[in-house]
Protein backbone atom coordinates (compact mmCIF):
# COMPACT_ATOMS: atom_id res chain seq x y z
CA UNK A 1 3.87 19.84 5.36
CA UNK A 2 5.37 18.75 2.05
CA UNK A 3 4.75 15.08 2.83
CA UNK A 4 1.15 15.85 3.73
CA UNK A 5 0.64 17.74 0.45
CA UNK A 6 2.12 14.85 -1.53
CA UNK A 7 -0.15 12.42 0.28
CA UNK A 8 -3.20 14.58 -0.41
CA UNK A 9 -2.26 14.78 -4.10
CA UNK A 10 -1.80 11.01 -4.23
CA UNK A 11 -5.15 10.43 -2.53
CA UNK A 12 -6.86 12.88 -4.87
CA UNK A 13 -5.37 11.15 -7.94
CA UNK A 14 -6.45 7.77 -6.59
CA UNK A 15 -10.00 9.04 -6.01
CA UNK A 16 -10.17 10.45 -9.54
CA UNK A 17 -8.95 7.13 -10.94
CA UNK A 18 -11.63 5.29 -8.95
CA UNK A 19 -14.29 7.59 -10.40
CA UNK A 20 -13.05 6.98 -13.94
CA UNK A 21 -12.72 3.21 -13.57
CA UNK A 22 -14.78 1.72 -10.70
CA UNK A 23 -13.43 -1.80 -11.24
CA UNK A 24 -10.01 -0.59 -10.11
CA UNK A 25 -11.51 0.03 -6.67
CA UNK A 26 -12.81 -3.54 -6.51
CA UNK A 27 -9.48 -4.99 -7.60
CA UNK A 28 -7.61 -2.78 -5.13
CA UNK A 29 -9.93 -3.82 -2.30
CA UNK A 30 -9.46 -7.50 -3.09
CA UNK A 31 -5.69 -7.12 -3.23
CA UNK A 32 -5.60 -5.28 0.08
CA UNK A 33 -7.78 -7.88 1.74
CA UNK A 34 -5.42 -10.62 0.60
CA UNK A 35 -2.10 -8.86 1.20
CA UNK A 36 -3.03 -6.18 3.71
CA UNK A 37 -1.56 -2.74 4.10
CA UNK A 38 -0.05 -1.99 7.52
CA UNK A 39 0.11 1.68 6.60
CA UNK A 40 -3.66 1.84 6.76
CA UNK A 41 -3.51 1.13 10.49
CA UNK A 42 -1.59 4.34 11.11
CA UNK A 43 -3.84 6.60 9.06
CA UNK A 44 -6.54 8.59 10.77
CA UNK A 45 -6.81 10.67 13.87
CA UNK A 46 -4.71 10.35 16.97
CA UNK A 47 -7.57 8.56 18.70
CA UNK A 48 -7.65 5.88 16.01
CA UNK A 49 -3.90 5.38 16.36
CA UNK A 50 -4.18 5.02 20.12
CA UNK A 51 -7.02 2.50 19.81
CA UNK A 52 -5.08 0.49 17.20
CA UNK A 53 -1.98 0.47 19.42
CA UNK A 54 -3.97 -0.66 22.46
CA UNK A 55 -5.60 -3.48 20.50
CA UNK A 56 -2.29 -4.70 19.07
CA UNK A 57 -0.57 -4.56 22.47
CA UNK A 58 -3.53 -6.34 24.07
CA UNK A 59 -3.35 -9.15 21.52
CA UNK A 60 0.39 -9.55 22.00
CA UNK A 61 -0.03 -9.60 25.79
CA UNK A 62 -2.87 -12.11 25.55
CA UNK A 63 -0.86 -14.40 23.29
CA UNK A 64 2.21 -14.14 25.51
CA UNK A 65 0.37 -14.82 28.77
CA UNK A 66 -1.72 -17.74 27.53
CA UNK A 67 0.92 -19.45 25.40
CA UNK A 68 2.69 -20.91 28.43
């Protein structure tokens, strides 16, 4: 629970910062599109996690089977 509360506080601070300075959101989006954030794949509901896992495993299987 403590980790969840810290995450909610961090998200709330980030949202407030975006409201104060909208260009930060643009810069953050550009940086994430260039670098990527694997943690974003694991956020969300259980269904989203399952779908993400299935897609990643499917891509790995596809690459493995058709690389030979």
